[in-house]
Amino acid sequence: QVQLVESGGGLVQAGGSLRLSCAASGRTFSRNTMGWFRQAPGKEREFVSTISWSGGSTYYADSVKGRFTISRDNFWNTLYLQMNSLKPEDTAVYYCAARADDQTYLTGSWSAYDYWGQGTQVTVSS
């Protein structure tokens, strides 16, 4: 059974930092694109960042560019999101996602991702 399990969320003051992790099990994603999405209360799920299988290519939403950094460790089958200079508008449930196919192009479309974690809450206070 494939599982993606996020961790690292919590409550932080504006300007602070958090590092999210996503541990995959049940299969390896070392050859698959992975990404992060988020959903705030009353809003649709939105793209945050995605990374190629090698880690050599990344893509960010404009709202997080320069503040967030996505990375991965294929040996440990784990995805990360380093979040710095957090703002109250970053408050959301953050989801890890992975593609099942071997397509190499990076996309922020949630429908392209086949596996999803249960989410981890990030709350940024002002």
PDB file of N, CA and C in Angstrom:
ATOM      1  N   GLN A   1       0.850  -1.193   0.000  1.00  0.00           N
ATOM      2  CA  GLN A   1       0.000   0.000   0.000  1.00  0.00           C
ATOM      3  C   GLN A   1       0.886   1.244   0.000  1.00  0.00           C
ATOM      4  N   VAL A   2       0.642   2.115  -0.954  1.00  0.00           N
ATOM      5  CA  VAL A   2       1.433   3.334  -1.064  1.00  0.00           C
ATOM      6  C   VAL A   2       0.915   4.361  -0.066  1.00  0.00           C
ATOM      7  N   GLN A   3       1.864   4.953   0.657  1.00  0.00           N
ATOM      8  CA  GLN A   3       1.495   6.001   1.610  1.00  0.00           C
ATOM      9  C   GLN A   3       2.458   7.162   1.516  1.00  0.00           C
ATOM     10  N   LEU A   4       1.890   8.354   1.634  1.00  0.00           N
ATOM     11  CA  LEU A   4       2.683   9.574   1.784  1.00  0.00           C
ATOM     12  C   LEU A   4       2.281  10.177   3.112  1.00  0.00           C
ATOM     13  N   VAL A   5       3.254  10.387   3.980  1.00  0.00           N
ATOM     14  CA  VAL A   5       2.949  10.883   5.314  1.00  0.00           C
ATOM     15  C   VAL A   5       3.726  12.166   5.566  1.00  0.00           C
ATOM     16  N   GLU A   6       2.980  13.256   5.719  1.00  0.00           N
ATOM     17  CA  GLU A   6       3.600  14.552   5.979  1.00  0.00           C
ATOM     18  C   GLU A   6       3.818  14.758   7.475  1.00  0.00           C
ATOM     19  N   SER A   7       4.811  15.559   7.784  1.00  0.00           N
ATOM     20  CA  SER A   7       5.087  15.942   9.169  1.00  0.00           C
ATOM     21  C   SER A   7       5.807  17.286   9.163  1.00  0.00           C
ATOM     22  N   GLY A   8       5.887  17.897  10.341  1.00  0.00           N
ATOM     23  CA  GLY A   8       6.623  19.146  10.463  1.00  0.00           C
ATOM     24  C   GLY A   8       5.774  20.398  10.546  1.00  0.00           C
ATOM     25  N   GLY A   9       4.473  20.241  10.390  1.00  0.00           N
ATOM     26  CA  GLY A   9       3.603  21.405  10.500  1.00  0.00           C
ATOM     27  C   GLY A   9       3.502  21.882  11.938  1.00  0.00           C
ATOM     28  N   GLY A  10       2.869  23.034  12.114  1.00  0.00           N
ATOM     29  CA  GLY A  10       2.698  23.565  13.458  1.00  0.00           C
ATOM     30  C   GLY A  10       2.323  25.023  13.431  1.00  0.00           C
ATOM     31  N   LEU A  11       2.427  25.643  14.603  1.00  0.00           N
ATOM     32  CA  LEU A  11       2.107  27.058  14.774  1.00  0.00           C
ATOM     33  C   LEU A  11       3.406  27.839  14.854  1.00  0.00           C
ATOM     34  N   VAL A  12       3.498  28.904  14.068  1.00  0.00           N
ATOM     35  CA  VAL A  12       4.702  29.729  14.045  1.00  0.00           C
ATOM     36  C   VAL A  12       4.301  31.177  13.869  1.00  0.00           C
ATOM     37  N   GLN A  13       5.116  32.071  14.384  1.00  0.00           N
ATOM     38  CA  GLN A  13       4.848  33.493  14.211  1.00  0.00           C
ATOM     39  C   GLN A  13       5.283  33.942  12.822  1.00  0.00           C
ATOM     40  N   ALA A  14       4.672  35.008  12.364  1.00  0.00           N
ATOM     41  CA  ALA A  14       5.050  35.585  11.076  1.00  0.00           C
ATOM     42  C   ALA A  14       6.545  35.898  11.074  1.00  0.00           C
ATOM     43  N   GLY A  15       7.186  35.559   9.958  1.00  0.00           N
ATOM     44  CA  GLY A  15       8.623  35.741   9.842  1.00  0.00           C
ATOM     45  C   GLY A  15       9.422  34.513  10.226  1.00  0.00           C
ATOM     46  N   GLY A  16       8.752  33.547  10.816  1.00  0.00           N
ATOM     47  CA  GLY A  16       9.418  32.324  11.258  1.00  0.00           C
ATOM     48  C   GLY A  16       9.574  31.310  10.138  1.00  0.00           C
ATOM     49  N   SER A  17      10.080  30.140  10.521  1.00  0.00           N
ATOM     50  CA  SER A  17      10.369  29.084   9.553  1.00  0.00           C
ATOM     51  C   SER A  17       9.818  27.745  10.029  1.00  0.00           C
ATOM     52  N   LEU A  18       9.521  26.906   9.069  1.00  0.00           N
ATOM     53  CA  LEU A  18       9.152  25.519   9.323  1.00  0.00           C
ATOM     54  C   LEU A  18       9.725  24.680   8.195  1.00  0.00           C
ATOM     55  N   ARG A  19       9.983  23.404   8.504  1.00  0.00           N
ATOM     56  CA  ARG A  19      10.416  22.462   7.481  1.00  0.00           C
ATOM     57  C   ARG A  19       9.464  21.279   7.480  1.00  0.00           C
ATOM     58  N   LEU A  20       8.782  21.118   6.355  1.00  0.00           N
ATOM     59  CA  LEU A  20       7.871  19.990   6.191  1.00  0.00           C
ATOM     60  C   LEU A  20       8.615  18.811   5.572  1.00  0.00           C
ATOM     61  N   SER A  21       8.226  17.627   5.999  1.00  0.00           N
ATOM     62  CA  SER A  21       8.760  16.393   5.418  1.00  0.00           C
ATOM     63  C   SER A  21       7.608  15.542   4.918  1.00  0.00           C
ATOM     64  N   CYS A  22       7.884  14.728   3.919  1.00  0.00           N
ATOM     65  CA  CYS A  22       6.899  13.792   3.391  1.00  0.00           C
ATOM     66  C   CYS A  22       7.611  12.470   3.158  1.00  0.00           C
ATOM     67  N   ALA A  23       7.286  11.490   3.972  1.00  0.00           N
ATOM     68  CA  ALA A  23       7.909  10.174   3.862  1.00  0.00           C
ATOM     69  C   ALA A  23       7.022   9.251   3.038  1.00  0.00           C
ATOM     70  N   ALA A  24       7.593   8.681   1.997  1.00  0.00           N
ATOM     71  CA  ALA A  24       6.844   7.778   1.129  1.00  0.00           C
ATOM     72  C   ALA A  24       7.164   6.330   1.470  1.00  0.00           C
ATOM     73  N   SER A  25       6.161   5.496   1.377  1.00  0.00           N
ATOM     74  CA  SER A  25       6.357   4.064   1.596  1.00  0.00           C
ATOM     75  C   SER A  25       5.451   3.286   0.655  1.00  0.00           C
ATOM     76  N   GLY A  26       5.763   2.019   0.460  1.00  0.00           N
ATOM     77  CA  GLY A  26       4.967   1.175  -0.406  1.00  0.00           C
ATOM     78  C   GLY A  26       5.496   1.098  -1.825  1.00  0.00           C
ATOM     79  N   ARG A  27       6.237   2.084  -2.246  1.00  0.00           N
ATOM     80  CA  ARG A  27       6.917   2.095  -3.536  1.00  0.00           C
ATOM     81  C   ARG A  27       7.929   3.226  -3.513  1.00  0.00           C
ATOM     82  N   THR A  28       8.875   3.162  -4.421  1.00  0.00           N
ATOM     83  CA  THR A  28       9.835   4.237  -4.531  1.00  0.00           C
ATOM     84  C   THR A  28       9.351   5.274  -5.533  1.00  0.00           C
ATOM     85  N   PHE A  29       9.636   6.538  -5.232  1.00  0.00           N
ATOM     86  CA  PHE A  29       9.294   7.618  -6.150  1.00  0.00           C
ATOM     87  C   PHE A  29      10.552   8.276  -6.696  1.00  0.00           C
ATOM     88  N   SER A  30      11.645   7.554  -6.690  1.00  0.00           N
ATOM     89  CA  SER A  30      12.925   8.130  -7.097  1.00  0.00           C
ATOM     90  C   SER A  30      12.956   8.527  -8.570  1.00  0.00           C
ATOM     91  N   ARG A  31      11.990   8.037  -9.364  1.00  0.00           N
ATOM     92  CA  ARG A  31      11.927   8.397 -10.778  1.00  0.00           C
ATOM     93  C   ARG A  31      10.664   9.187 -11.098  1.00  0.00           C
ATOM     94  N   ASN A  32      10.058   9.777 -10.088  1.00  0.00           N
ATOM     95  CA  ASN A  32       8.782  10.459 -10.277  1.00  0.00           C
ATOM     96  C   ASN A  32       8.818  11.890  -9.746  1.00  0.00           C
ATOM     97  N   THR A  33       8.105  12.753 -10.447  1.00  0.00           N
ATOM     98  CA  THR A  33       7.924  14.119  -9.984  1.00  0.00           C
ATOM     99  C   THR A  33       7.081  14.129  -8.713  1.00  0.00           C
ATOM    100  N   MET A  34       7.465  14.975  -7.788  1.00  0.00           N
ATOM    101  CA  MET A  34       6.705  15.137  -6.550  1.00  0.00           C
ATOM    102  C   MET A  34       6.446  16.620  -6.306  1.00  0.00           C
ATOM    103  N   GLY A  35       5.499  16.903  -5.431  1.00  0.00           N
ATOM    104  CA  GLY A  35       5.179  18.304  -5.209  1.00  0.00           C
ATOM    105  C   GLY A  35       4.451  18.558  -3.905  1.00  0.00           C
ATOM    106  N   TRP A  36       4.260  19.833  -3.629  1.00  0.00           N
ATOM    107  CA  TRP A  36       3.513  20.293  -2.464  1.00  0.00           C
ATOM    108  C   TRP A  36       2.355  21.174  -2.928  1.00  0.00           C
ATOM    109  N   PHE A  37       1.221  20.981  -2.296  1.00  0.00           N
ATOM    110  CA  PHE A  37       0.047  21.810  -2.504  1.00  0.00           C
ATOM    111  C   PHE A  37      -0.450  22.249  -1.125  1.00  0.00           C
ATOM    112  N   ARG A  38      -1.343  23.212  -1.111  1.00  0.00           N
ATOM    113  CA  ARG A  38      -1.918  23.637   0.161  1.00  0.00           C
ATOM    114  C   ARG A  38      -3.369  24.044  -0.035  1.00  0.00           C
ATOM    115  N   GLN A  39      -4.111  23.993   1.055  1.00  0.00           N
ATOM    116  CA  GLN A  39      -5.515  24.388   1.018  1.00  0.00           C
ATOM    117  C   GLN A  39      -5.860  25.126   2.294  1.00  0.00           C
ATOM    118  N   ALA A  40      -6.266  26.365   2.124  1.00  0.00           N
ATOM    119  CA  ALA A  40      -6.707  27.183   3.252  1.00  0.00           C
ATOM    120  C   ALA A  40      -8.212  27.022   3.424  1.00  0.00           C
ATOM    121  N   PRO A  41      -8.728  27.296   4.625  1.00  0.00           N
ATOM    122  CA  PRO A  41     -10.164  27.153   4.856  1.00  0.00           C
ATOM    123  C   PRO A  41     -10.975  27.985   3.877  1.00  0.00           C
ATOM    124  N   GLY A  42     -11.948  27.359   3.256  1.00  0.00           N
ATOM    125  CA  GLY A  42     -12.828  28.060   2.335  1.00  0.00           C
ATOM    126  C   GLY A  42     -12.222  28.336   0.978  1.00  0.00           C
ATOM    127  N   LYS A  43     -11.027  27.816   0.733  1.00  0.00           N
ATOM    128  CA  LYS A  43     -10.372  28.053  -0.554  1.00  0.00           C
ATOM    129  C   LYS A  43     -10.074  26.735  -1.252  1.00  0.00           C
ATOM    130  N   GLU A  44      -9.812  26.822  -2.539  1.00  0.00           N
ATOM    131  CA  GLU A  44      -9.467  25.639  -3.301  1.00  0.00           C
ATOM    132  C   GLU A  44      -8.003  25.260  -3.038  1.00  0.00           C
ATOM    133  N   ARG A  45      -7.713  23.989  -3.288  1.00  0.00           N
ATOM    134  CA  ARG A  45      -6.339  23.526  -3.168  1.00  0.00           C
ATOM    135  C   ARG A  45      -5.484  24.256  -4.196  1.00  0.00           C
ATOM    136  N   GLU A  46      -4.314  24.729  -3.775  1.00  0.00           N
ATOM    137  CA  GLU A  46      -3.458  25.474  -4.684  1.00  0.00           C
ATOM    138  C   GLU A  46      -2.053  24.897  -4.701  1.00  0.00           C
ATOM    139  N   PHE A  47      -1.424  25.056  -5.827  1.00  0.00           N
ATOM    140  CA  PHE A  47      -0.068  24.593  -6.045  1.00  0.00           C
ATOM    141  C   PHE A  47       0.924  25.430  -5.239  1.00  0.00           C
ATOM    142  N   VAL A  48       1.936  24.759  -4.675  1.00  0.00           N
ATOM    143  CA  VAL A  48       3.002  25.446  -3.953  1.00  0.00           C
ATOM    144  C   VAL A  48       4.340  25.274  -4.686  1.00  0.00           C
ATOM    145  N   SER A  49       4.717  24.014  -4.913  1.00  0.00           N
ATOM    146  CA  SER A  49       6.015  23.756  -5.527  1.00  0.00           C
ATOM    147  C   SER A  49       6.079  22.333  -6.030  1.00  0.00           C
ATOM    148  N   THR A  50       6.945  22.099  -7.015  1.00  0.00           N
ATOM    149  CA  THR A  50       7.164  20.759  -7.528  1.00  0.00           C
ATOM    150  C   THR A  50       8.637  20.577  -7.871  1.00  0.00           C
ATOM    151  N   ILE A  51       9.076  19.326  -7.912  1.00  0.00           N
ATOM    152  CA  ILE A  51      10.481  19.009  -8.128  1.00  0.00           C
ATOM    153  C   ILE A  51      10.599  17.774  -9.015  1.00  0.00           C
ATOM    154  N   SER A  52      11.579  17.798  -9.903  1.00  0.00           N
ATOM    155  CA  SER A  52      11.809  16.665 -10.788  1.00  0.00           C
ATOM    156  C   SER A  52      12.367  15.480 -10.015  1.00  0.00           C
ATOM    157  N   TRP A  53      12.404  14.321 -10.658  1.00  0.00           N
ATOM    158  CA  TRP A  53      12.844  13.114  -9.961  1.00  0.00           C
ATOM    159  C   TRP A  53      14.284  13.232  -9.472  1.00  0.00           C
ATOM    160  N   SER A  54      15.114  13.946 -10.219  1.00  0.00           N
ATOM    161  CA  SER A  54      16.523  14.071  -9.845  1.00  0.00           C
ATOM    162  C   SER A  54      16.753  15.192  -8.839  1.00  0.00           C
ATOM    163  N   GLY A  55      15.775  16.073  -8.718  1.00  0.00           N
ATOM    164  CA  GLY A  55      15.958  17.252  -7.883  1.00  0.00           C
ATOM    165  C   GLY A  55      16.599  18.398  -8.638  1.00  0.00           C
ATOM    166  N   GLY A  56      16.919  18.175  -9.897  1.00  0.00           N
ATOM    167  CA  GLY A  56      17.620  19.184 -10.663  1.00  0.00           C
ATOM    168  C   GLY A  56      16.749  20.320 -11.161  1.00  0.00           C
ATOM    169  N   SER A  57      15.443  20.091 -11.208  1.00  0.00           N
ATOM    170  CA  SER A  57      14.521  21.134 -11.660  1.00  0.00           C
ATOM    171  C   SER A  57      13.434  21.337 -10.628  1.00  0.00           C
ATOM    172  N   THR A  58      13.116  22.601 -10.396  1.00  0.00           N
ATOM    173  CA  THR A  58      12.066  22.943  -9.450  1.00  0.00           C
ATOM    174  C   THR A  58      11.185  24.044 -10.033  1.00  0.00           C
ATOM    175  N   TYR A  59      10.006  24.161  -9.461  1.00  0.00           N
ATOM    176  CA  TYR A  59       9.037  25.146  -9.949  1.00  0.00           C
ATOM    177  C   TYR A  59       8.232  25.592  -8.746  1.00  0.00           C
ATOM    178  N   TYR A  60       8.017  26.911  -8.611  1.00  0.00           N
ATOM    179  CA  TYR A  60       7.322  27.455  -7.455  1.00  0.00           C
ATOM    180  C   TYR A  60       6.163  28.355  -7.875  1.00  0.00           C
ATOM    181  N   ALA A  61       5.168  28.395  -7.028  1.00  0.00           N
ATOM    182  CA  ALA A  61       4.125  29.396  -7.182  1.00  0.00           C
ATOM    183  C   ALA A  61       4.742  30.759  -6.887  1.00  0.00           C
ATOM    184  N   ASP A  62       4.238  31.784  -7.552  1.00  0.00           N
ATOM    185  CA  ASP A  62       4.780  33.132  -7.349  1.00  0.00           C
ATOM    186  C   ASP A  62       4.676  33.566  -5.892  1.00  0.00           C
ATOM    187  N   SER A  63       3.635  33.101  -5.229  1.00  0.00           N
ATOM    188  CA  SER A  63       3.379  33.537  -3.856  1.00  0.00           C
ATOM    189  C   SER A  63       4.429  33.042  -2.860  1.00  0.00           C
ATOM    190  N   VAL A  64       5.191  32.003  -3.229  1.00  0.00           N
ATOM    191  CA  VAL A  64       6.183  31.448  -2.299  1.00  0.00           C
ATOM    192  C   VAL A  64       7.608  31.539  -2.826  1.00  0.00           C
ATOM    193  N   LYS A  65       7.750  31.975  -4.048  1.00  0.00           N
ATOM    194  CA  LYS A  65       9.075  32.040  -4.672  1.00  0.00           C
ATOM    195  C   LYS A  65      10.004  32.936  -3.850  1.00  0.00           C
ATOM    196  N   GLY A  66      11.202  32.430  -3.610  1.00  0.00           N
ATOM    197  CA  GLY A  66      12.178  33.187  -2.824  1.00  0.00           C
ATOM    198  C   GLY A  66      12.074  32.955  -1.334  1.00  0.00           C
ATOM    199  N   ARG A  67      10.989  32.333  -0.884  1.00  0.00           N
ATOM    200  CA  ARG A  67      10.798  32.064   0.551  1.00  0.00           C
ATOM    201  C   ARG A  67      10.809  30.564   0.850  1.00  0.00           C
ATOM    202  N   PHE A  68      10.290  29.768  -0.062  1.00  0.00           N
ATOM    203  CA  PHE A  68      10.197  28.320   0.127  1.00  0.00           C
ATOM    204  C   PHE A  68      11.213  27.621  -0.761  1.00  0.00           C
ATOM    205  N   THR A  69      11.719  26.487  -0.270  1.00  0.00           N
ATOM    206  CA  THR A  69      12.643  25.663  -1.043  1.00  0.00           C
ATOM    207  C   THR A  69      12.222  24.199  -0.962  1.00  0.00           C
ATOM    208  N   ILE A  70      12.011  23.611  -2.126  1.00  0.00           N
ATOM    209  CA  ILE A  70      11.655  22.195  -2.189  1.00  0.00           C
ATOM    210  C   ILE A  70      12.914  21.374  -2.442  1.00  0.00           C
ATOM    211  N   SER A  71      12.976  20.201  -1.842  1.00  0.00           N
ATOM    212  CA  SER A  71      14.112  19.305  -2.065  1.00  0.00           C
ATOM    213  C   SER A  71      13.663  17.873  -1.822  1.00  0.00           C
ATOM    214  N   ARG A  72      14.503  16.935  -2.182  1.00  0.00           N
ATOM    215  CA  ARG A  72      14.146  15.535  -1.992  1.00  0.00           C
ATOM    216  C   ARG A  72      15.384  14.705  -1.719  1.00  0.00           C
ATOM    217  N   ASP A  73      15.176  13.593  -1.054  1.00  0.00           N
ATOM    218  CA  ASP A  73      16.239  12.629  -0.789  1.00  0.00           C
ATOM    219  C   ASP A  73      15.736  11.284  -1.292  1.00  0.00           C
ATOM    220  N   ASN A  74      16.170  10.892  -2.464  1.00  0.00           N
ATOM    221  CA  ASN A  74      15.652   9.668  -3.072  1.00  0.00           C
ATOM    222  C   ASN A  74      16.119   8.412  -2.336  1.00  0.00           C
ATOM    223  N   PHE A  75      17.239   8.484  -1.662  1.00  0.00           N
ATOM    224  CA  PHE A  75      17.680   7.317  -0.896  1.00  0.00           C
ATOM    225  C   PHE A  75      16.681   7.008   0.207  1.00  0.00           C
ATOM    226  N   TRP A  76      16.196   8.066   0.871  1.00  0.00           N
ATOM    227  CA  TRP A  76      15.236   7.882   1.962  1.00  0.00           C
ATOM    228  C   TRP A  76      13.788   8.010   1.498  1.00  0.00           C
ATOM    229  N   ASN A  77      13.591   8.213   0.192  1.00  0.00           N
ATOM    230  CA  ASN A  77      12.227   8.320  -0.359  1.00  0.00           C
ATOM    231  C   ASN A  77      11.431   9.413   0.354  1.00  0.00           C
ATOM    232  N   THR A  78      12.066  10.560   0.545  1.00  0.00           N
ATOM    233  CA  THR A  78      11.471  11.639   1.324  1.00  0.00           C
ATOM    234  C   THR A  78      11.543  12.961   0.567  1.00  0.00           C
ATOM    235  N   LEU A  79      10.474  13.719   0.677  1.00  0.00           N
ATOM    236  CA  LEU A  79      10.345  15.044   0.078  1.00  0.00           C
ATOM    237  C   LEU A  79      10.318  16.081   1.194  1.00  0.00           C
ATOM    238  N   TYR A  80      10.884  17.258   0.939  1.00  0.00           N
ATOM    239  CA  TYR A  80      10.949  18.310   1.940  1.00  0.00           C
ATOM    240  C   TYR A  80      10.437  19.625   1.377  1.00  0.00           C
ATOM    241  N   LEU A  81      10.010  20.489   2.289  1.00  0.00           N
ATOM    242  CA  LEU A  81       9.671  21.865   1.941  1.00  0.00           C
ATOM    243  C   LEU A  81      10.162  22.759   3.072  1.00  0.00           C
ATOM    244  N   GLN A  82      11.207  23.509   2.800  1.00  0.00           N
ATOM    245  CA  GLN A  82      11.712  24.481   3.755  1.00  0.00           C
ATOM    246  C   GLN A  82      10.970  25.793   3.536  1.00  0.00           C
ATOM    247  N   MET A  83      10.314  26.272   4.585  1.00  0.00           N
ATOM    248  CA  MET A  83       9.490  27.479   4.478  1.00  0.00           C
ATOM    249  C   MET A  83      10.073  28.554   5.394  1.00  0.00           C
ATOM    250  N   ASN A  84      10.528  29.631   4.794  1.00  0.00           N
ATOM    251  CA  ASN A  84      11.101  30.752   5.542  1.00  0.00           C
ATOM    252  C   ASN A  84      10.240  31.995   5.347  1.00  0.00           C
ATOM    253  N   SER A  85      10.450  32.968   6.209  1.00  0.00           N
ATOM    254  CA  SER A  85       9.719  34.242   6.122  1.00  0.00           C
ATOM    255  C   SER A  85       8.225  34.006   5.984  1.00  0.00           C
ATOM    256  N   LEU A  86       7.699  33.162   6.825  1.00  0.00           N
ATOM    257  CA  LEU A  86       6.291  32.785   6.729  1.00  0.00           C
ATOM    258  C   LEU A  86       5.379  33.966   7.001  1.00  0.00           C
ATOM    259  N   LYS A  87       4.248  33.967   6.300  1.00  0.00           N
ATOM    260  CA  LYS A  87       3.248  35.022   6.405  1.00  0.00           C
ATOM    261  C   LYS A  87       1.929  34.409   6.857  1.00  0.00           C
ATOM    262  N   PRO A  88       1.056  35.203   7.460  1.00  0.00           N
ATOM    263  CA  PRO A  88      -0.256  34.663   7.855  1.00  0.00           C
ATOM    264  C   PRO A  88      -1.012  34.033   6.680  1.00  0.00           C
ATOM    265  N   GLU A  89      -0.824  34.558   5.490  1.00  0.00           N
ATOM    266  CA  GLU A  89      -1.518  34.010   4.320  1.00  0.00           C
ATOM    267  C   GLU A  89      -0.969  32.657   3.880  1.00  0.00           C
ATOM    268  N   ASP A  90       0.110  32.202   4.493  1.00  0.00           N
ATOM    269  CA  ASP A  90       0.611  30.853   4.236  1.00  0.00           C
ATOM    270  C   ASP A  90      -0.123  29.808   5.068  1.00  0.00           C
ATOM    271  N   THR A  91      -0.981  30.243   5.967  1.00  0.00           N
ATOM    272  CA  THR A  91      -1.750  29.319   6.798  1.00  0.00           C
ATOM    273  C   THR A  91      -2.630  28.425   5.931  1.00  0.00           C
ATOM    274  N   ALA A  92      -2.464  27.118   6.086  1.00  0.00           N
ATOM    275  CA  ALA A  92      -3.202  26.155   5.274  1.00  0.00           C
ATOM    276  C   ALA A  92      -2.825  24.745   5.721  1.00  0.00           C
ATOM    277  N   VAL A  93      -3.559  23.787   5.195  1.00  0.00           N
ATOM    278  CA  VAL A  93      -3.124  22.395   5.288  1.00  0.00           C
ATOM    279  C   VAL A  93      -2.238  22.132   4.075  1.00  0.00           C
ATOM    280  N   TYR A  94      -1.058  21.600   4.320  1.00  0.00           N
ATOM    281  CA  TYR A  94      -0.091  21.339   3.259  1.00  0.00           C
ATOM    282  C   TYR A  94      -0.084  19.854   2.927  1.00  0.00           C
ATOM    283  N   TYR A  95      -0.173  19.576   1.623  1.00  0.00           N
ATOM    284  CA  TYR A  95      -0.248  18.205   1.143  1.00  0.00           C
ATOM    285  C   TYR A  95       0.947  17.875   0.266  1.00  0.00           C
ATOM    286  N   CYS A  96       1.481  16.697   0.466  1.00  0.00           N
ATOM    287  CA  CYS A  96       2.514  16.137  -0.380  1.00  0.00           C
ATOM    288  C   CYS A  96       1.831  15.326  -1.484  1.00  0.00           C
ATOM    289  N   ALA A  97       2.399  15.347  -2.688  1.00  0.00           N
ATOM    290  CA  ALA A  97       1.807  14.606  -3.794  1.00  0.00           C
ATOM    291  C   ALA A  97       2.904  14.016  -4.670  1.00  0.00           C
ATOM    292  N   ALA A  98       2.572  12.943  -5.364  1.00  0.00           N
ATOM    293  CA  ALA A  98       3.531  12.287  -6.251  1.00  0.00           C
ATOM    294  C   ALA A  98       2.840  11.801  -7.513  1.00  0.00           C
ATOM    295  N   ARG A  99       3.563  11.841  -8.607  1.00  0.00           N
ATOM    296  CA  ARG A  99       3.023  11.319  -9.854  1.00  0.00           C
ATOM    297  C   ARG A  99       3.356   9.839  -9.978  1.00  0.00           C
ATOM    298  N   ALA A 100       2.467   9.109 -10.605  1.00  0.00           N
ATOM    299  CA  ALA A 100       2.699   7.684 -10.824  1.00  0.00           C
ATOM    300  C   ALA A 100       3.467   7.437 -12.110  1.00  0.00           C
ATOM    301  N   ASP A 101       3.368   8.347 -13.082  1.00  0.00           N
ATOM    302  CA  ASP A 101       4.032   8.129 -14.362  1.00  0.00           C
ATOM    303  C   ASP A 101       5.450   8.696 -14.314  1.00  0.00           C
ATOM    304  N   ASP A 102       6.143   8.546 -15.421  1.00  0.00           N
ATOM    305  CA  ASP A 102       7.535   9.006 -15.477  1.00  0.00           C
ATOM    306  C   ASP A 102       7.687  10.266 -16.318  1.00  0.00           C
ATOM    307  N   GLN A 103       6.587  11.023 -16.449  1.00  0.00           N
ATOM    308  CA  GLN A 103       6.668  12.280 -17.173  1.00  0.00           C
ATOM    309  C   GLN A 103       7.612  13.228 -16.446  1.00  0.00           C
ATOM    310  N   THR A 104       8.454  13.898 -17.208  1.00  0.00           N
ATOM    311  CA  THR A 104       9.476  14.731 -16.582  1.00  0.00           C
ATOM    312  C   THR A 104       9.103  16.205 -16.501  1.00  0.00           C
ATOM    313  N   TYR A 105       8.030  16.619 -17.214  1.00  0.00           N
ATOM    314  CA  TYR A 105       7.710  18.040 -17.160  1.00  0.00           C
ATOM    315  C   TYR A 105       7.106  18.372 -15.809  1.00  0.00           C
ATOM    316  N   LEU A 106       7.362  19.575 -15.355  1.00  0.00           N
ATOM    317  CA  LEU A 106       6.859  20.008 -14.064  1.00  0.00           C
ATOM    318  C   LEU A 106       5.538  20.752 -14.261  1.00  0.00           C
ATOM    319  N   THR A 107       4.574  20.442 -13.434  1.00  0.00           N
ATOM    320  CA  THR A 107       3.276  21.067 -13.543  1.00  0.00           C
ATOM    321  C   THR A 107       2.702  21.364 -12.174  1.00  0.00           C
ATOM    322  N   GLY A 108       1.940  22.436 -12.114  1.00  0.00           N
ATOM    323  CA  GLY A 108       1.264  22.797 -10.873  1.00  0.00           C
ATOM    324  C   GLY A 108      -0.182  22.352 -10.859  1.00  0.00           C
ATOM    325  N   SER A 109      -0.583  21.559 -11.832  1.00  0.00           N
ATOM    326  CA  SER A 109      -1.945  21.069 -11.895  1.00  0.00           C
ATOM    327  C   SER A 109      -2.120  19.874 -10.968  1.00  0.00           C
ATOM    328  N   TRP A 110      -3.019  19.988 -10.001  1.00  0.00           N
ATOM    329  CA  TRP A 110      -3.161  18.916  -9.020  1.00  0.00           C
ATOM    330  C   TRP A 110      -3.629  17.623  -9.662  1.00  0.00           C
ATOM    331  N   SER A 111      -4.346  17.710 -10.787  1.00  0.00           N
ATOM    332  CA  SER A 111      -4.874  16.509 -11.426  1.00  0.00           C
ATOM    333  C   SER A 111      -3.778  15.627 -12.015  1.00  0.00           C
ATOM    334  N   ALA A 112      -2.585  16.143 -12.147  1.00  0.00           N
ATOM    335  CA  ALA A 112      -1.477  15.355 -12.695  1.00  0.00           C
ATOM    336  C   ALA A 112      -0.852  14.443 -11.647  1.00  0.00           C
ATOM    337  N   TYR A 113      -1.205  14.621 -10.402  1.00  0.00           N
ATOM    338  CA  TYR A 113      -0.610  13.859  -9.318  1.00  0.00           C
ATOM    339  C   TYR A 113      -1.560  12.754  -8.868  1.00  0.00           C
ATOM    340  N   ASP A 114      -0.987  11.598  -8.624  1.00  0.00           N
ATOM    341  CA  ASP A 114      -1.795  10.410  -8.371  1.00  0.00           C
ATOM    342  C   ASP A 114      -1.855   9.996  -6.904  1.00  0.00           C
ATOM    343  N   TYR A 115      -0.818  10.322  -6.169  1.00  0.00           N
ATOM    344  CA  TYR A 115      -0.765   9.922  -4.769  1.00  0.00           C
ATOM    345  C   TYR A 115      -0.728  11.178  -3.895  1.00  0.00           C
ATOM    346  N   TRP A 116      -1.454  11.113  -2.780  1.00  0.00           N
ATOM    347  CA  TRP A 116      -1.564  12.269  -1.892  1.00  0.00           C
ATOM    348  C   TRP A 116      -1.418  11.828  -0.441  1.00  0.00           C
ATOM    349  N   GLY A 117      -0.804  12.713   0.343  1.00  0.00           N
ATOM    350  CA  GLY A 117      -0.750  12.490   1.769  1.00  0.00           C
ATOM    351  C   GLY A 117      -2.003  13.017   2.440  1.00  0.00           C
ATOM    352  N   GLN A 118      -2.054  12.864   3.754  1.00  0.00           N
ATOM    353  CA  GLN A 118      -3.237  13.281   4.500  1.00  0.00           C
ATOM    354  C   GLN A 118      -3.185  14.746   4.891  1.00  0.00           C
ATOM    355  N   GLY A 119      -2.030  15.359   4.748  1.00  0.00           N
ATOM    356  CA  GLY A 119      -1.892  16.778   5.028  1.00  0.00           C
ATOM    357  C   GLY A 119      -1.344  17.075   6.415  1.00  0.00           C
ATOM    358  N   THR A 120      -0.702  18.225   6.539  1.00  0.00           N
ATOM    359  CA  THR A 120      -0.210  18.699   7.826  1.00  0.00           C
ATOM    360  C   THR A 120      -0.542  20.181   7.946  1.00  0.00           C
ATOM    361  N   GLN A 121      -1.042  20.569   9.104  1.00  0.00           N
ATOM    362  CA  GLN A 121      -1.513  21.939   9.304  1.00  0.00           C
ATOM    363  C   GLN A 121      -0.351  22.880   9.581  1.00  0.00           C
ATOM    364  N   VAL A 122      -0.339  23.984   8.874  1.00  0.00           N
ATOM    365  CA  VAL A 122       0.612  25.065   9.126  1.00  0.00           C
ATOM    366  C   VAL A 122      -0.197  26.310   9.463  1.00  0.00           C
ATOM    367  N   THR A 123       0.063  26.884  10.625  1.00  0.00           N
ATOM    368  CA  THR A 123      -0.634  28.080  11.055  1.00  0.00           C
ATOM    369  C   THR A 123       0.391  29.162  11.372  1.00  0.00           C
ATOM    370  N   VAL A 124       0.246  30.297  10.712  1.00  0.00           N
ATOM    371  CA  VAL A 124       1.170  31.412  10.903  1.00  0.00           C
ATOM    372  C   VAL A 124       0.406  32.553  11.573  1.00  0.00           C
ATOM    373  N   SER A 125       0.837  32.919  12.744  1.00  0.00           N
ATOM    374  CA  SER A 125       0.165  33.989  13.481  1.00  0.00           C
ATOM    375  C   SER A 125       0.815  35.333  13.183  1.00  0.00           C
ATOM    376  N   SER A 126       0.007  36.367  13.224  1.00  0.00           N
ATOM    377  CA  SER A 126       0.523  37.711  12.908  1.00  0.00           C
ATOM    378  C   SER A 126       1.025  38.427  14.145  1.00  0.00           C
TER     379      SER A 126
END
